Amino acid sequence: MFEGFNESTSEFGSFLEKSLTKSVNNVVLKLRTAVSKDKNRFVNDEFNLDLSYITNRIIAMGYPSSDVIESNFRNSRADVKRFLDKYHPDKYLILNLTEHPYDPAYFSNRVHHLGWLDHHSPSLSLLLYSVQIIHQWLTQDPQNIVAIHCAAGRGRTGTLICAYLVSTIMYEGKLDEVLRLFAQQRSSTGEGVTVPSQVRYVDYVNQLSTMKVDISLAQKPKVLSIRSLIMKPIPRQSGWKPVVDIYNVNLPLQPVLLFTNRDSNVQNIKSYNGSDAAAMVNTRDIIVSGDILIKVYDLNEIISTLLDKPTFRFAFHTSFINNFCLDLNKDQLDDSNANLKNNQYPNDFSIRLMFGEVEPQQPQVQSYQQQQPYQPQQQQQQQQQQQQPQAQQQPQSNEKCKGDDDYDI
């Protein structure tokens, strides 16, 4: 009597299970698509991944998560492995650019952790070391591919991919073209590497590749002193109190504070108003070499200061400083918290760093995991010609910054 009933109940249960599974999968796919926003995805009958081919051998992708909840809106690590094993079996290498390493055994030990902070630039030595890893892997076998990710697979990922491309013969000296290529391949809206300091470091590799800057300076950076930081025009009509922190970031995950004008007595921080021509912070001739990060806070923005959310920041490498100054306009400053978009900061807001010469000394070699000296692909046959006398490690000119009169205060 109940045999037919049991069969129909079983069929209904199976139908319900399939329907629920399909509904859940649809929700997961919608979540992943929403999180990836404008980024181009790899979609077919089997896969729907936040993953883009920048070239036929270079993949940019979102973080491959193993967390049950997180994998509902990011790439599932299992799905990424299935994808790579299916389309590039035994021919892939993964570069993890996030701050956090994960067990490489899941991907058959085909993972390098080369991380740095989100929305920041890497150190030059780390960037060159990473470029070298890509070059060595891709030249081992014409079928080898590299899959690079950070968290979203855009800023840090794009920085490394673009740095690698400008080091190749095909894209030598073509910085703008490379940045456009990544943006077009990664994003449906053409949004690629947007953090100014990240673009600056890609350009550093471009300058090394085209020999505009001697390669030896990447290994043995210039040693300079920072005399002052000048900012103008004043963003507030009254009461702007700039606080400046200067870090050495040769090891990007271990920044070292070199200077701050913070004071336990807030009244000791100089306040500027609209009638002042510019604000100047005396940096006490702090000695710097290699990768430097500068953060600027407005002491009046108490919460942002306490949460370490600077008004703006910027990074640079001392070997690329010419004529003892660095001028940056508003668009060349990192603004991850959108503070500079505030109307209080006019469009012509700019900063100038003034440097001084340091007595000749033997700079420390900057390296990452004891890498071999970086050689762009078109220069590998010219290694001996790249060696320069030690005297050229120091600034060669006492020429003033261009437009000095504009910064008289």
Protein backbone atom coordinates (compact mmCIF):
# COMPACT_ATOMS: atom_id res chain seq x y z
CA MET A 1 0.00 0.00 0.00
CA PHE A 2 2.79 2.43 0.90
CA GLU A 3 5.31 1.32 -1.75
CA GLY A 4 4.24 3.91 -4.30
CA PHE A 5 4.02 6.52 -1.59
CA ASN A 6 7.60 5.83 -0.45
CA GLU A 7 8.89 6.04 -4.02
CA SER A 8 7.15 9.34 -4.65
CA THR A 9 8.41 10.69 -1.33
CA SER A 10 11.97 9.67 -2.23
CA GLU A 11 11.68 11.30 -5.65
CA PHE A 12 10.31 14.46 -4.08
CA GLY A 13 13.17 14.50 -1.55
CA SER A 14 15.72 14.12 -4.30
CA PHE A 15 14.06 16.87 -6.32
CA LEU A 16 13.97 19.14 -3.26
CA GLU A 17 17.66 18.49 -2.51
CA LYS A 18 18.67 19.30 -6.09
CA SER A 19 16.53 22.44 -6.07
CA LEU A 20 18.01 23.64 -2.78
CA THR A 21 21.56 22.90 -3.98
CA LYS A 22 20.93 24.79 -7.20
CA SER A 23 19.44 27.73 -5.28
CA VAL A 24 22.38 27.85 -2.86
CA ASN A 25 24.87 27.67 -5.74
CA ASN A 26 23.08 30.51 -7.50
CA VAL A 27 23.26 32.64 -4.35
CA VAL A 28 26.97 31.86 -3.95
CA LEU A 29 27.67 32.81 -7.57
CA LYS A 30 25.76 36.06 -7.15
CA LEU A 31 27.75 36.84 -3.99
CA ARG A 32 31.06 36.14 -5.71
CA THR A 33 30.11 38.23 -8.72
CA ALA A 34 29.01 41.11 -6.50
CA VAL A 35 32.26 41.03 -4.51
CA SER A 36 34.43 40.92 -7.64
CA LYS A 37 32.55 44.01 -8.91
CA ASP A 38 33.92 45.13 -12.28
CA LYS A 39 36.70 42.54 -12.50
CA ASN A 40 36.57 40.20 -15.47
CA ARG A 41 35.76 36.62 -14.47
CA PHE A 42 36.48 33.25 -16.03
CA VAL A 43 33.07 31.71 -16.65
CA ASN A 44 32.08 28.48 -18.39
CA ASP A 45 29.84 25.50 -17.63
CA GLU A 46 32.26 24.26 -14.97
CA PHE A 47 33.87 27.37 -13.45
CA ASN A 48 32.90 30.85 -12.36
CA LEU A 49 36.06 32.41 -10.93
CA ASP A 50 37.39 35.88 -10.20
CA LEU A 51 40.25 35.21 -12.59
CA SER A 52 41.53 36.94 -15.72
CA TYR A 53 44.18 36.10 -18.29
CA ILE A 54 46.33 39.22 -18.69
CA THR A 55 48.39 37.37 -21.28
CA ASN A 56 48.09 33.73 -22.29
CA ARG A 57 50.71 32.87 -19.64
CA ILE A 58 49.94 35.34 -16.85
CA ILE A 59 46.80 35.06 -14.71
CA ALA A 60 45.50 37.64 -12.24
CA MET A 61 43.00 36.32 -9.72
CA GLY A 62 41.32 36.97 -6.41
CA TYR A 63 42.43 35.31 -3.19
CA PRO A 64 41.84 31.52 -3.19
CA SER A 65 40.10 31.04 0.15
CA SER A 66 39.87 27.84 2.16
CA ASP A 67 37.49 29.37 4.71
CA VAL A 68 33.98 27.94 4.39
CA ILE A 69 32.25 31.30 4.80
CA GLU A 70 34.77 33.41 2.89
CA SER A 71 34.80 31.03 -0.07
CA ASN A 72 31.12 31.84 -0.58
CA PHE A 73 32.07 35.29 -1.86
CA ARG A 74 35.70 34.81 -2.90
CA ASN A 75 37.38 32.19 -5.05
CA SER A 76 37.21 28.76 -3.48
CA ARG A 77 40.69 27.30 -3.10
CA ALA A 78 39.34 23.95 -4.26
CA ASP A 79 37.86 25.49 -7.41
CA VAL A 80 41.12 27.30 -8.21
CA LYS A 81 43.07 24.05 -7.85
CA ARG A 82 40.61 22.20 -10.08
CA PHE A 83 40.92 24.97 -12.67
CA LEU A 84 44.73 24.97 -12.67
CA ASP A 85 44.96 21.18 -12.66
CA LYS A 86 42.57 20.97 -15.59
CA TYR A 87 43.95 23.71 -17.84
CA HIS A 88 47.61 23.88 -16.73
CA PRO A 89 48.48 20.54 -15.07
CA ASP A 90 51.96 20.58 -13.49
CA LYS A 91 52.74 23.81 -15.34
CA TYR A 92 51.55 26.50 -12.94
CA LEU A 93 53.20 28.61 -10.25
CA ILE A 94 51.18 30.71 -7.77
CA LEU A 95 52.49 33.97 -6.30
CA ASN A 96 50.72 35.07 -3.11
CA LEU A 97 51.13 38.83 -2.58
CA THR A 98 48.96 39.13 0.54
CA GLU A 99 50.37 39.67 4.01
CA HIS A 100 49.41 36.14 5.03
CA PRO A 101 51.07 32.93 3.81
CA TYR A 102 49.15 29.69 3.48
CA ASP A 103 50.23 26.07 3.21
CA PRO A 104 51.75 25.61 -0.26
CA ALA A 105 51.25 21.83 -0.05
CA TYR A 106 47.62 22.22 -1.16
CA PHE A 107 48.91 23.38 -4.54
CA SER A 108 51.67 20.75 -4.68
CA ASN A 109 54.19 23.25 -3.24
CA ARG A 110 53.80 25.52 -6.26
CA VAL A 111 53.35 28.69 -4.19
CA HIS A 112 55.70 31.58 -3.40
CA HIS A 113 54.70 34.01 -0.64
CA LEU A 114 55.91 37.50 -1.63
CA GLY A 115 53.55 39.66 0.38
CA TRP A 116 53.30 43.32 1.20
CA LEU A 117 50.63 45.55 2.73
CA ASP A 118 47.36 46.18 0.90
CA HIS A 119 47.14 49.51 -0.96
CA HIS A 120 50.91 49.98 -0.52
CA SER A 121 53.86 49.61 -2.83
CA PRO A 122 56.43 46.84 -2.35
CA SER A 123 60.08 47.44 -1.65
CA LEU A 124 62.10 47.70 -4.84
CA SER A 125 64.17 44.64 -3.93
CA LEU A 126 61.03 42.57 -3.32
CA LEU A 127 59.54 43.73 -6.62
CA LEU A 128 62.69 42.88 -8.57
CA TYR A 129 63.01 39.52 -6.82
CA SER A 130 59.40 38.72 -7.76
CA VAL A 131 59.99 39.77 -11.37
CA GLN A 132 63.00 37.46 -11.44
CA ILE A 133 60.92 34.54 -10.16
CA ILE A 134 58.36 35.05 -12.93
CA HIS A 135 61.06 35.34 -15.58
CA GLN A 136 62.85 32.19 -14.44
CA TRP A 137 59.63 30.16 -14.27
CA LEU A 138 58.28 31.23 -17.66
CA THR A 139 61.60 30.61 -19.42
CA GLN A 140 61.92 27.07 -18.02
CA ASP A 141 59.10 25.74 -20.19
CA PRO A 142 57.01 27.46 -22.89
CA GLN A 143 53.90 25.88 -21.37
CA ASN A 144 54.52 27.23 -17.87
CA ILE A 145 52.08 29.83 -16.58
CA VAL A 146 52.02 32.01 -13.47
CA ALA A 147 48.90 32.80 -11.41
CA ILE A 148 49.26 35.90 -9.24
CA HIS A 149 46.90 37.05 -6.52
CA CYS A 150 46.59 39.46 -3.63
CA ALA A 151 43.20 39.91 -1.95
CA ALA A 152 41.16 41.38 -4.79
CA GLY A 153 43.68 40.56 -7.50
CA ARG A 154 44.06 44.12 -8.72
CA GLY A 155 46.41 46.59 -6.97
CA ARG A 156 49.31 44.48 -5.73
CA THR A 157 48.72 41.87 -8.42
CA GLY A 158 48.72 44.51 -11.15
CA THR A 159 51.84 46.13 -9.72
CA LEU A 160 53.85 42.92 -10.08
CA ILE A 161 52.41 41.93 -13.46
CA CYS A 162 53.07 45.38 -14.93
CA ALA A 163 56.58 45.45 -13.44
CA TYR A 164 57.33 42.11 -15.06
CA LEU A 165 55.96 43.16 -18.44
CA VAL A 166 58.00 46.38 -18.63
CA SER A 167 61.11 44.28 -17.97
CA THR A 168 60.50 42.21 -21.11
CA ILE A 169 61.76 43.04 -24.58
CA MET A 170 58.20 43.24 -25.94
CA TYR A 171 57.15 46.01 -23.53
CA GLU A 172 60.47 47.75 -22.94
CA GLY A 173 59.80 51.41 -22.12
CA LYS A 174 56.04 51.02 -22.66
CA LEU A 175 54.82 51.86 -19.17
CA ASP A 176 51.49 53.40 -20.17
CA GLU A 177 50.72 50.59 -22.60
CA VAL A 178 51.36 47.96 -19.94
CA LEU A 179 49.18 49.72 -17.36
CA ARG A 180 46.36 49.95 -19.94
CA LEU A 181 46.76 46.30 -20.90
CA PHE A 182 46.36 45.13 -17.32
CA ALA A 183 43.40 47.45 -16.71
CA GLN A 184 41.58 46.30 -19.85
CA GLN A 185 42.19 42.60 -19.25
CA ARG A 186 41.36 42.67 -15.54
CA SER A 187 38.41 45.06 -15.43
CA SER A 188 35.29 45.59 -17.49
CA THR A 189 35.54 49.31 -16.67
CA GLY A 190 39.27 49.60 -17.37
CA GLU A 191 40.30 50.08 -13.74
CA GLY A 192 43.76 48.72 -13.01
CA VAL A 193 46.65 49.87 -10.83
CA THR A 194 45.44 53.14 -9.30
CA VAL A 195 47.59 53.69 -6.18
CA PRO A 196 50.18 56.32 -7.21
CA SER A 197 53.04 54.75 -5.23
CA GLN A 198 52.38 51.39 -6.89
CA VAL A 199 52.54 53.04 -10.31
CA ARG A 200 55.73 54.82 -9.20
CA TYR A 201 57.40 51.51 -8.41
CA VAL A 202 56.37 50.00 -11.73
CA ASP A 203 57.99 53.02 -13.35
CA TYR A 204 61.16 52.38 -11.33
CA VAL A 205 61.43 48.95 -12.96
CA ASN A 206 60.71 50.60 -16.31
CA GLN A 207 63.57 53.06 -15.76
CA LEU A 208 65.94 50.25 -14.78
CA SER A 209 64.93 48.22 -17.83
CA THR A 210 65.58 51.13 -20.19
CA MET A 211 68.82 52.02 -18.36
CA LYS A 212 67.59 55.49 -17.40
CA VAL A 213 68.82 54.59 -13.91
CA ASP A 214 71.87 52.42 -13.30
CA ILE A 215 70.98 48.93 -12.12
CA SER A 216 73.65 49.02 -9.42
CA LEU A 217 71.62 51.71 -7.63
CA ALA A 218 68.82 49.20 -7.06
CA GLN A 219 71.25 46.98 -5.16
CA LYS A 220 73.19 49.77 -3.42
CA PRO A 221 70.79 52.70 -2.94
CA LYS A 222 71.72 56.34 -2.56
CA VAL A 223 72.09 57.56 1.00
CA LEU A 224 70.44 60.94 1.56
CA SER A 225 69.18 63.12 4.37
CA ILE A 226 65.64 64.52 4.42
CA ARG A 227 65.84 68.15 5.45
CA SER A 228 62.19 69.16 5.33
CA LEU A 229 58.73 68.42 4.00
CA ILE A 230 56.86 71.39 2.53
CA MET A 231 53.13 71.31 1.77
CA LYS A 232 50.98 73.95 0.10
CA PRO A 233 48.49 75.52 -0.14
CA ILE A 234 47.15 75.13 3.40
CA PRO A 235 44.03 72.91 3.26
CA ARG A 236 42.22 74.50 6.19
CA GLN A 237 41.38 78.12 6.75
CA SER A 238 42.52 77.63 10.33
CA GLY A 239 43.96 74.98 12.58
CA TRP A 240 45.66 72.52 10.20
CA LYS A 241 48.17 70.50 12.27
CA PRO A 242 50.22 68.15 10.08
CA VAL A 243 51.89 65.19 11.76
CA VAL A 244 54.55 63.38 9.72
CA ASP A 245 55.84 59.84 10.21
CA ILE A 246 58.78 58.57 8.12
CA TYR A 247 59.47 54.83 7.80
CA ASN A 248 62.11 52.66 6.25
CA VAL A 249 60.26 49.90 4.38
CA ASN A 250 63.10 47.94 2.81
CA LEU A 251 61.31 44.98 4.44
CA PRO A 252 57.71 45.90 3.52
CA LEU A 253 56.04 43.83 6.25
CA GLN A 254 58.41 45.17 8.91
CA PRO A 255 58.39 48.99 8.63
CA VAL A 256 60.88 50.83 10.85
CA LEU A 257 59.93 54.28 12.16
CA LEU A 258 62.77 56.74 11.50
CA PHE A 259 61.15 60.06 12.35
CA THR A 260 57.99 61.61 13.74
CA ASN A 261 57.08 65.12 14.81
CA ARG A 262 54.40 63.79 17.15
CA ASP A 263 54.48 65.24 20.64
CA SER A 264 52.69 64.19 23.80
CA ASN A 265 51.73 67.84 24.16
CA VAL A 266 49.42 68.59 21.24
CA GLN A 267 50.04 72.30 21.71
CA ASN A 268 53.62 71.78 20.55
CA ILE A 269 52.45 70.77 17.06
CA LYS A 270 52.48 73.87 14.90
CA SER A 271 49.11 74.97 13.56
CA TYR A 272 48.70 76.55 10.11
CA ASN A 273 45.90 78.62 8.62
CA GLY A 274 44.88 79.96 5.24
CA SER A 275 47.07 83.05 5.54
CA ASP A 276 50.23 80.90 5.67
CA ALA A 277 52.00 80.43 2.35
CA ALA A 278 52.93 76.82 3.13
CA ALA A 279 53.50 74.36 5.94
CA MET A 280 57.02 73.11 6.61
CA VAL A 281 57.98 70.20 8.84
CA ASN A 282 61.64 70.12 9.85
CA THR A 283 62.67 66.48 9.52
CA ARG A 284 66.03 67.04 11.27
CA ASP A 285 68.19 65.73 8.42
CA ILE A 286 67.08 62.18 9.05
CA ILE A 287 69.30 59.74 7.10
CA VAL A 288 67.42 57.56 4.61
CA SER A 289 68.39 54.92 2.07
CA GLY A 290 66.33 52.64 -0.12
CA ASP A 291 62.56 52.36 0.28
CA ILE A 292 60.90 55.11 2.30
CA LEU A 293 57.24 55.53 3.30
CA ILE A 294 55.91 58.86 4.55
CA LYS A 295 52.51 59.22 6.24
CA VAL A 296 50.89 62.60 6.88
CA TYR A 297 48.05 63.02 9.38
CA ASP A 298 45.91 65.97 10.39
CA LEU A 299 46.05 66.02 14.18
CA ASN A 300 42.56 67.55 14.23
CA GLU A 301 41.22 64.33 12.70
CA ILE A 302 41.58 62.51 16.01
CA ILE A 303 39.82 59.26 15.11
CA SER A 304 41.70 58.84 11.82
CA THR A 305 44.99 59.50 13.58
CA LEU A 306 44.26 56.99 16.34
CA LEU A 307 43.19 54.35 13.79
CA ASP A 308 46.37 54.93 11.74
CA LYS A 309 44.42 56.28 8.77
CA PRO A 310 46.66 59.03 7.40
CA THR A 311 45.33 61.89 5.33
CA PHE A 312 47.73 60.74 2.65
CA ARG A 313 50.94 58.80 2.25
CA PHE A 314 53.54 58.16 -0.42
CA ALA A 315 56.50 55.87 -0.97
CA PHE A 316 59.69 56.34 -2.94
CA HIS A 317 63.18 54.93 -3.39
CA THR A 318 66.18 57.15 -2.73
CA SER A 319 68.06 56.05 -5.85
CA PHE A 320 65.46 57.79 -8.01
CA ILE A 321 65.78 61.20 -6.33
CA ASN A 322 67.25 63.85 -8.63
CA ASN A 323 68.50 67.33 -7.73
CA PHE A 324 67.86 66.68 -4.04
CA CYS A 325 64.09 67.10 -4.18
CA LEU A 326 60.89 65.19 -4.80
CA ASP A 327 57.80 67.09 -5.96
CA LEU A 328 54.41 65.39 -5.91
CA ASN A 329 51.03 66.86 -6.74
CA LYS A 330 47.71 65.83 -5.26
CA ASP A 331 47.14 63.09 -7.85
CA GLN A 332 50.51 61.52 -7.03
CA LEU A 333 49.72 60.99 -3.34
CA ASP A 334 48.16 57.78 -2.02
CA ASP A 335 44.66 58.53 -0.78
CA SER A 336 43.23 55.18 0.29
CA ASN A 337 40.84 56.84 2.77
CA ALA A 338 39.59 59.44 0.26
CA ASN A 339 40.71 62.31 2.49
CA LEU A 340 42.24 64.33 -0.34
CA LYS A 341 38.92 64.30 -2.15
CA ASN A 342 37.67 66.56 0.63
CA ASN A 343 37.07 70.08 -0.64
CA GLN A 344 39.45 71.34 2.04
CA TYR A 345 42.33 70.07 -0.09
CA PRO A 346 42.48 72.18 -3.26
CA ASN A 347 43.35 70.68 -6.64
CA ASP A 348 46.74 72.42 -6.63
CA PHE A 349 47.75 70.93 -3.27
CA SER A 350 51.30 69.58 -3.52
CA ILE A 351 54.26 68.50 -1.43
CA ARG A 352 58.01 68.89 -1.75
CA LEU A 353 60.66 66.84 0.02
CA MET A 354 64.03 68.57 0.35
CA PHE A 355 67.09 66.32 0.59
CA GLY A 356 70.68 66.85 1.57
CA GLU A 357 73.90 65.13 0.58
CA VAL A 358 75.47 62.66 2.97
CA GLU A 359 79.19 62.05 3.34
CA PRO A 360 80.26 59.23 0.98
CA GLN A 361 79.87 55.85 2.59
CA GLN A 362 79.38 52.25 1.58
CA PRO A 363 75.61 51.71 1.23
CA GLN A 364 74.16 48.42 2.38
CA VAL A 365 73.16 46.04 -0.36
CA GLN A 366 69.36 45.83 -0.56
CA SER A 367 68.22 42.29 -1.20
CA TYR A 368 65.19 40.09 -0.72
CA GLN A 369 65.83 36.44 0.19
CA GLN A 370 69.38 36.92 -1.09
CA GLN A 371 68.29 37.32 -4.68
CA GLN A 372 70.72 37.46 -7.55
CA PRO A 373 71.39 40.94 -8.94
CA TYR A 374 68.43 41.93 -11.08
CA GLN A 375 69.08 42.02 -14.82
CA PRO A 376 66.28 43.07 -17.20
CA GLN A 377 65.92 40.57 -20.03
CA GLN A 378 67.39 42.87 -22.68
CA GLN A 379 70.44 43.52 -20.52
CA GLN A 380 71.46 40.06 -19.39
CA GLN A 381 74.28 39.95 -21.93
CA GLN A 382 75.65 43.27 -20.67
CA GLN A 383 76.27 42.44 -17.02
CA GLN A 384 79.87 43.58 -16.86
CA GLN A 385 79.00 46.93 -18.43
CA GLN A 386 76.56 47.63 -15.62
CA GLN A 387 79.22 47.89 -12.91
CA GLN A 388 79.84 51.52 -11.95
CA PRO A 389 82.37 53.13 -9.58
CA GLN A 390 81.20 53.50 -5.98
CA ALA A 391 81.38 57.28 -6.26
CA GLN A 392 78.28 57.20 -8.42
CA GLN A 393 76.22 55.88 -5.51
CA GLN A 394 75.96 59.44 -4.21
CA PRO A 395 74.16 62.48 -5.67
CA GLN A 396 76.27 64.10 -8.35
CA SER A 397 74.76 67.56 -8.40
CA ASN A 398 74.08 70.36 -5.97
CA GLU A 399 71.61 71.90 -8.39
CA LYS A 400 68.52 73.37 -6.73
CA CYS A 401 65.06 71.95 -7.23
CA LYS A 402 63.24 73.34 -10.20
CA GLY A 403 60.73 75.97 -9.19
CA ASP A 404 62.35 76.67 -5.84
CA ASP A 405 60.82 80.12 -5.76
CA ASP A 406 57.36 78.56 -5.67
CA TYR A 407 58.19 76.97 -2.32
CA ASP A 408 59.68 79.97 -0.56
CA ILE A 409 57.99 80.31 2.83
